[in-house]
Amino acid sequence: MQCFLFFLSLALFLSMHCVSTTSHPPTCASPTNVKDACKLVADKHPTVGYDFCVKSLKKSSSGDLHDLALVATRTAIAHATSAEAEIEELMELEVDSADKNSFDKCLDAYADDVDHLRNAVDNIAARVYKKAVQQLGAAKSAAKKCEATFAGGDNKGEVPGAAGSDCAKLASIAQAIVASLE
């Protein structure tokens, strides 16, 4: 009987100290809005920046971390696919075969990142957060790979155009939010 009362007391204590504003399972100390979530992100990833995070997630009306993680990941997918389109356009205009080859490698890198991000969305939706964190971590490499492919040429490591400059930051936002759900 004492064991039953202990577990009942524990359940009541936890339910009083956890917040849930949706039909999802409660998350203790979860942020209640985008600004709170972005404070969490900025603490874990100072290079992302609070203002960038708020700007990236401002379209979300949810303060639920699960929903914000999905929004952040979908935003990263949109940005990465936009980068792919920009790279394709630049590649079509390029006449130098070495630069065409570099653009092709960039396309491959962004295609890989998009695959990782889409898999992360599936795992976030299924609440398989540990796997989603891994996939989001893997999805932050395209910009660096592109810079590396252009490092030997006249561009000195800078990818022509603005393709993908924020993809890694967007994946970091999603990763920090998902990591807080684990």
Protein backbone atom coordinates (compact mmCIF):
# COMPACT_ATOMS: atom_id res chain seq x y z
CA MET A 1 0.00 0.00 0.00
CA GLN A 2 2.85 2.38 0.80
CA CYS A 3 4.34 1.73 -2.62
CA PHE A 4 1.04 2.60 -4.29
CA LEU A 5 0.76 5.85 -2.30
CA PHE A 6 4.34 6.76 -3.16
CA PHE A 7 3.75 6.36 -6.90
CA LEU A 8 0.44 8.19 -6.70
CA SER A 9 2.14 11.07 -4.87
CA LEU A 10 4.95 11.09 -7.41
CA ALA A 11 2.48 11.19 -10.30
CA LEU A 12 0.58 14.08 -8.72
CA PHE A 13 3.80 15.99 -8.04
CA LEU A 14 5.02 15.60 -11.61
CA SER A 15 1.68 16.56 -13.09
CA MET A 16 1.62 19.77 -11.04
CA HIS A 17 5.12 20.79 -12.16
CA CYS A 18 4.78 20.08 -15.85
CA VAL A 19 3.13 22.27 -18.46
CA SER A 20 1.02 21.10 -21.35
CA THR A 21 -0.95 23.43 -23.60
CA THR A 22 -1.71 20.89 -26.29
CA SER A 23 -2.81 17.30 -26.65
CA HIS A 24 0.85 16.24 -26.66
CA PRO A 25 2.43 14.71 -23.57
CA PRO A 26 3.48 17.40 -21.09
CA THR A 27 7.02 18.71 -21.17
CA CYS A 28 8.47 20.01 -17.92
CA ALA A 29 9.70 23.59 -18.10
CA SER A 30 8.82 23.88 -21.77
CA PRO A 31 8.87 27.33 -23.33
CA THR A 32 5.49 28.89 -23.86
CA ASN A 33 6.33 30.89 -26.98
CA VAL A 34 8.84 31.39 -29.79
CA LYS A 35 10.91 33.90 -27.79
CA ASP A 36 11.34 31.47 -24.90
CA ALA A 37 12.29 28.68 -27.29
CA CYS A 38 14.81 30.97 -29.01
CA LYS A 39 16.40 31.81 -25.66
CA LEU A 40 16.92 28.07 -25.24
CA VAL A 41 18.43 27.83 -28.75
CA ALA A 42 20.71 30.84 -28.26
CA ASP A 43 22.01 29.37 -25.01
CA LYS A 44 22.91 26.09 -26.70
CA HIS A 45 24.05 27.52 -30.05
CA PRO A 46 25.39 31.07 -29.58
CA THR A 47 26.44 31.22 -33.24
CA VAL A 48 22.80 30.94 -34.30
CA GLY A 49 21.73 34.01 -32.41
CA TYR A 50 18.51 34.85 -30.65
CA ASP A 51 17.32 37.39 -33.24
CA PHE A 52 17.90 35.00 -36.15
CA CYS A 53 15.94 32.30 -34.33
CA VAL A 54 12.97 34.58 -33.59
CA LYS A 55 12.94 35.82 -37.18
CA SER A 56 13.06 32.24 -38.50
CA LEU A 57 10.23 30.97 -36.29
CA LYS A 58 8.04 34.10 -36.21
CA LYS A 59 5.42 32.48 -38.44
CA SER A 60 4.72 29.86 -35.79
CA SER A 61 1.93 30.60 -33.36
CA SER A 62 2.74 27.58 -31.23
CA GLY A 63 4.80 27.58 -28.07
CA ASP A 64 4.83 23.81 -28.02
CA LEU A 65 8.40 22.60 -28.51
CA HIS A 66 7.33 19.63 -30.61
CA ASP A 67 5.48 21.90 -33.06
CA LEU A 68 8.33 24.44 -33.09
CA ALA A 69 10.79 21.66 -33.91
CA LEU A 70 8.68 20.69 -36.90
CA VAL A 71 8.41 24.32 -38.05
CA ALA A 72 12.16 24.85 -37.69
CA THR A 73 12.98 21.68 -39.60
CA ARG A 74 10.51 22.46 -42.39
CA THR A 75 11.99 25.97 -42.64
CA ALA A 76 15.45 24.41 -42.99
CA ILE A 77 14.12 22.14 -45.77
CA ALA A 78 12.64 25.11 -47.63
CA HIS A 79 15.90 27.01 -47.33
CA ALA A 80 18.01 24.05 -48.48
CA THR A 81 15.79 23.37 -51.49
CA SER A 82 15.95 27.06 -52.36
CA ALA A 83 19.74 26.85 -52.17
CA GLU A 84 19.63 23.85 -54.51
CA ALA A 85 17.59 25.83 -57.04
CA GLU A 86 19.99 28.76 -56.83
CA ILE A 87 22.99 26.48 -57.33
CA GLU A 88 21.34 24.86 -60.35
CA GLU A 89 20.76 28.29 -61.90
CA LEU A 90 24.36 29.35 -61.25
CA MET A 91 25.65 26.05 -62.65
CA GLU A 92 23.70 26.56 -65.89
CA LEU A 93 25.32 29.98 -66.34
CA GLU A 94 28.83 28.73 -65.58
CA VAL A 95 31.24 28.09 -68.44
CA ASP A 96 34.27 26.97 -66.42
CA SER A 97 34.24 23.17 -66.07
CA ALA A 98 35.99 23.26 -62.67
CA ASP A 99 33.33 25.59 -61.28
CA LYS A 100 30.57 23.46 -62.85
CA ASN A 101 32.09 20.46 -61.05
CA SER A 102 32.12 22.43 -57.78
CA PHE A 103 28.48 23.40 -58.22
CA ASP A 104 27.64 19.76 -58.90
CA LYS A 105 29.31 18.75 -55.61
CA CYS A 106 27.33 21.48 -53.84
CA LEU A 107 24.11 20.11 -55.30
CA ASP A 108 24.98 16.66 -53.98
CA ALA A 109 25.72 18.10 -50.53
CA TYR A 110 22.42 19.98 -50.36
CA ALA A 111 20.52 16.94 -51.65
CA ASP A 112 22.02 14.94 -48.77
CA ASP A 113 21.07 17.65 -46.28
CA VAL A 114 17.50 17.76 -47.59
CA ASP A 115 17.25 13.97 -47.20
CA HIS A 116 18.51 14.22 -43.59
CA LEU A 117 16.07 17.04 -42.86
CA ARG A 118 13.09 15.16 -44.32
CA ASN A 119 14.01 12.09 -42.28
CA ALA A 120 14.27 14.34 -39.22
CA VAL A 121 10.73 15.64 -39.84
CA ASP A 122 9.46 12.07 -39.97
CA ASN A 123 11.22 11.21 -36.72
CA ILE A 124 10.07 14.38 -34.96
CA ALA A 125 6.50 13.64 -36.01
CA ALA A 126 6.91 10.10 -34.64
CA ARG A 127 8.57 11.51 -31.48
CA VAL A 128 11.79 9.62 -32.12
CA TYR A 129 13.80 12.59 -30.94
CA LYS A 130 17.20 10.98 -30.49
CA LYS A 131 17.32 9.91 -34.14
CA ALA A 132 16.01 13.32 -35.25
CA VAL A 133 18.83 15.07 -33.35
CA GLN A 134 21.37 12.90 -35.18
CA GLN A 135 19.80 13.62 -38.56
CA LEU A 136 19.66 17.36 -37.88
CA GLY A 137 23.33 17.27 -36.91
CA ALA A 138 24.16 15.54 -40.19
CA ALA A 139 22.12 18.14 -42.10
CA LYS A 140 24.43 21.02 -41.22
CA SER A 141 27.28 20.25 -43.59
CA ALA A 142 26.28 21.40 -47.08
CA ALA A 143 27.48 25.00 -46.79
CA LYS A 144 30.89 23.88 -45.49
CA LYS A 145 31.20 21.26 -48.22
CA CYS A 146 30.37 23.87 -50.85
CA GLU A 147 32.93 26.28 -49.45
CA ALA A 148 35.53 23.52 -49.51
CA THR A 149 34.85 22.72 -53.17
CA PHE A 150 35.40 26.35 -54.15
CA ALA A 151 38.45 26.84 -51.90
CA GLY A 152 41.01 26.20 -54.62
CA GLY A 153 39.57 28.54 -57.22
CA ASP A 154 39.27 32.28 -57.68
CA ASN A 155 36.39 32.43 -55.20
CA LYS A 156 38.69 31.58 -52.24
CA GLY A 157 36.15 29.33 -50.55
CA GLU A 158 33.14 31.53 -51.12
CA VAL A 159 30.23 29.99 -52.94
CA PRO A 160 28.99 32.37 -55.64
CA GLY A 161 25.54 33.71 -54.79
CA ALA A 162 23.92 33.49 -51.39
CA ALA A 163 23.04 29.81 -51.62
CA GLY A 164 22.56 28.12 -48.32
CA SER A 165 24.20 30.64 -46.05
CA ASP A 166 21.71 30.01 -43.23
CA CYS A 167 20.92 26.31 -43.69
CA ALA A 168 23.25 25.18 -40.89
CA LYS A 169 21.80 27.77 -38.50
CA LEU A 170 18.26 26.65 -39.27
CA ALA A 171 19.20 23.01 -38.67
CA SER A 172 20.86 24.07 -35.39
CA ILE A 173 17.65 25.77 -34.26
CA ALA A 174 15.69 22.59 -34.94
CA GLN A 175 18.38 20.44 -33.33
CA ALA A 176 18.45 22.49 -30.11
CA ILE A 177 14.67 22.39 -29.81
CA VAL A 178 14.50 18.65 -30.48
CA ALA A 179 17.35 17.98 -28.05
CA SER A 180 15.33 19.70 -25.33
CA LEU A 181 12.50 17.24 -26.00
CA GLU A 182 14.63 14.13 -25.40
